[in-house]
C-alpha atoms as a PDB file:
ATOM      1  CA  MET A   1     -13.068 -29.423  11.509  1.00  0.00           C
ATOM      2  CA  VAL A   2      -9.547 -28.316  12.447  1.00  0.00           C
ATOM      3  CA  PHE A   3      -8.826 -27.190  15.990  1.00  0.00           C
ATOM      4  CA  PRO A   4      -5.534 -25.314  16.219  1.00  0.00           C
ATOM      5  CA  CYS A   5      -3.214 -25.755  19.135  1.00  0.00           C
ATOM      6  CA  ASP A   6      -2.904 -22.001  19.652  1.00  0.00           C
ATOM      7  CA  TYR A   7      -3.722 -18.500  18.442  1.00  0.00           C
ATOM      8  CA  HIS A   8      -1.726 -15.335  17.880  1.00  0.00           C
ATOM      9  CA  VAL A   9      -3.052 -12.120  19.384  1.00  0.00           C
ATOM     10  CA  HIS A  10      -1.313  -9.164  17.707  1.00  0.00           C
ATOM     11  CA  PHE A  11      -1.505  -5.688  19.212  1.00  0.00           C
ATOM     12  CA  TYR A  12      -0.842  -2.871  16.712  1.00  0.00           C
ATOM     13  CA  PHE A  13       0.592   0.447  17.811  1.00  0.00           C
ATOM     14  CA  ASN A  14       2.705   3.413  16.737  1.00  0.00           C
ATOM     15  CA  GLN A  15       5.281   5.731  18.274  1.00  0.00           C
ATOM     16  CA  GLU A  16       2.663   7.498  20.386  1.00  0.00           C
ATOM     17  CA  THR A  17       1.103   4.277  21.720  1.00  0.00           C
ATOM     18  CA  VAL A  18       4.141   1.980  22.121  1.00  0.00           C
ATOM     19  CA  ALA A  19       4.238   2.370  25.924  1.00  0.00           C
ATOM     20  CA  LEU A  20       0.514   1.627  26.171  1.00  0.00           C
ATOM     21  CA  ALA A  21       0.904  -1.439  23.955  1.00  0.00           C
ATOM     22  CA  ARG A  22       3.818  -2.733  26.027  1.00  0.00           C
ATOM     23  CA  GLN A  23       1.809  -2.255  29.236  1.00  0.00           C
ATOM     24  CA  ILE A  24      -1.270  -4.048  27.878  1.00  0.00           C
ATOM     25  CA  CYS A  25       0.753  -6.910  26.370  1.00  0.00           C
ATOM     26  CA  GLU A  26       2.634  -7.416  29.627  1.00  0.00           C
ATOM     27  CA  GLU A  27      -0.676  -7.418  31.514  1.00  0.00           C
ATOM     28  CA  VAL A  28      -2.072 -10.128  29.215  1.00  0.00           C
ATOM     29  CA  ARG A  29       1.171 -12.124  29.537  1.00  0.00           C
ATOM     30  CA  ASP A  30       1.131 -11.969  33.324  1.00  0.00           C
ATOM     31  CA  ARG A  31      -2.611 -12.323  33.899  1.00  0.00           C
ATOM     32  CA  PHE A  32      -3.042 -15.341  31.608  1.00  0.00           C
ATOM     33  CA  ALA A  33       0.487 -16.859  31.729  1.00  0.00           C
ATOM     34  CA  VAL A  34       0.963 -16.776  27.945  1.00  0.00           C
ATOM     35  CA  PRO A  35       4.185 -16.157  26.000  1.00  0.00           C
ATOM     36  CA  MET A  36       4.761 -12.614  24.743  1.00  0.00           C
ATOM     37  CA  GLY A  37       6.894 -11.889  21.693  1.00  0.00           C
ATOM     38  CA  ARG A  38       9.088  -8.869  21.088  1.00  0.00           C
ATOM     39  CA  VAL A  39       7.649  -5.385  20.879  1.00  0.00           C
ATOM     40  CA  HIS A  40       8.513  -4.610  17.247  1.00  0.00           C
ATOM     41  CA  GLU A  41       8.960  -0.915  16.557  1.00  0.00           C
ATOM     42  CA  GLN A  42       8.876  -1.618  12.824  1.00  0.00           C
ATOM     43  CA  ASN A  43       6.541  -3.513  10.507  1.00  0.00           C
ATOM     44  CA  VAL A  44       7.206  -7.253  10.615  1.00  0.00           C
ATOM     45  CA  GLY A  45       5.888  -9.926   8.257  1.00  0.00           C
ATOM     46  CA  PRO A  46       2.400  -9.231   6.936  1.00  0.00           C
ATOM     47  CA  HIS A  47       1.622  -6.706   9.649  1.00  0.00           C
ATOM     48  CA  PRO A  48       0.958  -3.121   8.509  1.00  0.00           C
ATOM     49  CA  ARG A  49       1.924  -1.479  11.796  1.00  0.00           C
ATOM     50  CA  TRP A  50       4.353  -1.962  14.644  1.00  0.00           C
ATOM     51  CA  SER A  51       3.199  -4.927  16.697  1.00  0.00           C
ATOM     52  CA  CYS A  52       3.600  -7.300  19.583  1.00  0.00           C
ATOM     53  CA  VAL A  53       2.234 -10.842  19.565  1.00  0.00           C
ATOM     54  CA  LEU A  54       1.073 -13.121  22.337  1.00  0.00           C
ATOM     55  CA  THR A  55       0.643 -16.853  21.762  1.00  0.00           C
ATOM     56  CA  VAL A  56      -2.547 -18.099  23.401  1.00  0.00           C
ATOM     57  CA  PRO A  57      -3.536 -21.767  23.786  1.00  0.00           C
ATOM     58  CA  ALA A  58      -7.049 -22.555  22.550  1.00  0.00           C
ATOM     59  CA  GLU A  59      -8.269 -23.306  26.072  1.00  0.00           C
ATOM     60  CA  LYS A  60      -7.381 -19.760  27.230  1.00  0.00           C
ATOM     61  CA  LEU A  61      -8.581 -17.900  24.135  1.00  0.00           C
ATOM     62  CA  GLY A  62     -12.088 -17.092  25.397  1.00  0.00           C
ATOM     63  CA  ASP A  63     -10.776 -15.558  28.604  1.00  0.00           C
ATOM     64  CA  VAL A  64      -8.054 -13.612  26.784  1.00  0.00           C
ATOM     65  CA  ILE A  65     -10.453 -12.256  24.141  1.00  0.00           C
ATOM     66  CA  SER A  66     -12.949 -11.208  26.809  1.00  0.00           C
ATOM     67  CA  TRP A  67     -10.269  -9.311  28.737  1.00  0.00           C
ATOM     68  CA  VAL A  68      -8.670  -7.759  25.632  1.00  0.00           C
ATOM     69  CA  CYS A  69     -12.060  -6.616  24.307  1.00  0.00           C
ATOM     70  CA  LEU A  70     -12.577  -4.517  27.447  1.00  0.00           C
ATOM     71  CA  ASN A  71      -8.971  -3.408  28.035  1.00  0.00           C
ATOM     72  CA  ARG A  72      -7.335  -2.809  24.637  1.00  0.00           C
ATOM     73  CA  SER A  73      -7.836   0.967  24.902  1.00  0.00           C
ATOM     74  CA  GLU A  74      -7.542   2.488  21.409  1.00  0.00           C
ATOM     75  CA  LEU A  75      -5.226  -0.229  20.094  1.00  0.00           C
ATOM     76  CA  THR A  76      -6.165  -2.365  17.115  1.00  0.00           C
ATOM     77  CA  VAL A  77      -5.949  -6.095  17.846  1.00  0.00           C
ATOM     78  CA  PHE A  78      -5.657  -8.836  15.214  1.00  0.00           C
ATOM     79  CA  ILE A  79      -6.255 -12.452  16.260  1.00  0.00           C
ATOM     80  CA  HIS A  80      -5.737 -15.557  14.138  1.00  0.00           C
ATOM     81  CA  PRO A  81      -5.414 -19.316  14.656  1.00  0.00           C
ATOM     82  CA  ASN A  82      -2.248 -21.247  13.850  1.00  0.00           C
ATOM     83  CA  THR A  83      -3.553 -24.174  11.805  1.00  0.00           C
ATOM     84  CA  GLY A  84      -0.508 -24.469   9.542  1.00  0.00           C
ATOM     85  CA  ASP A  85      -2.174 -22.638   6.631  1.00  0.00           C
ATOM     86  CA  ASP A  86      -0.797 -19.118   7.117  1.00  0.00           C
ATOM     87  CA  LEU A  87      -2.775 -17.593   4.253  1.00  0.00           C
ATOM     88  CA  LYS A  88      -6.148 -18.854   5.454  1.00  0.00           C
ATOM     89  CA  ASP A  89      -5.277 -18.153   9.091  1.00  0.00           C
ATOM     90  CA  HIS A  90      -4.478 -14.495   8.342  1.00  0.00           C
ATOM     91  CA  ARG A  91      -7.100 -13.911   5.638  1.00  0.00           C
ATOM     92  CA  ASP A  92     -10.108 -16.147   6.305  1.00  0.00           C
ATOM     93  CA  HIS A  93     -10.022 -17.039  10.000  1.00  0.00           C
ATOM     94  CA  ALA A  94      -9.053 -13.698  11.518  1.00  0.00           C
ATOM     95  CA  ILE A  95     -10.779 -11.686  14.235  1.00  0.00           C
ATOM     96  CA  TRP A  96     -10.332  -7.906  14.415  1.00  0.00           C
ATOM     97  CA  MET A  97     -10.904  -5.552  17.316  1.00  0.00           C
ATOM     98  CA  GLY A  98     -10.797  -1.910  16.294  1.00  0.00           C
ATOM     99  CA  GLU A  99      -9.733  -0.756  12.856  1.00  0.00           C
ATOM    100  CA  MET A 100      -9.506  -3.476  10.201  1.00  0.00           C
ATOM    101  CA  LEU A 101      -6.188  -3.033   8.409  1.00  0.00           C
ATOM    102  CA  GLU A 102      -4.898  -4.479   5.166  1.00  0.00           C
ATOM    103  CA  LEU A 103      -2.240  -7.138   5.695  1.00  0.00           C
ATOM    104  CA  ASP A 104       0.522  -7.832   3.174  1.00  0.00           C
ATOM    105  CA  LEU A 105      -0.335 -11.444   2.369  1.00  0.00           C
ATOM    106  CA  SER A 106       2.018 -11.703  -0.635  1.00  0.00           C
ATOM    107  CA  ALA A 107       4.505 -13.902   1.250  1.00  0.00           C
ATOM    108  CA  PHE A 108       1.790 -16.535   1.771  1.00  0.00           C
ATOM    109  CA  HIS A 109       0.987 -17.015  -1.947  1.00  0.00           C
END
């Protein structure tokens, strides 16, 4: 069994929810001392909506997921491990909170 060194927690948002997403991502960053990526106001990579990513070590994932589950508001959250197999990580090992969206996985084939 593979145990990844970290996970990505992606928050999806749009023009109406960008401020909310920034606030929630900053709260996760500060509360759990995890790195926060840029707030992308455009689609990036396989992601079908604007997004912000936080990188969460495996040992903090349970606490982060528990907090996000209760505090994500109406935002969709996509969580995946970083095992080195991007296709499987995004397609087979993902966790969704809220609406399940279709990712553009073509770059991983």
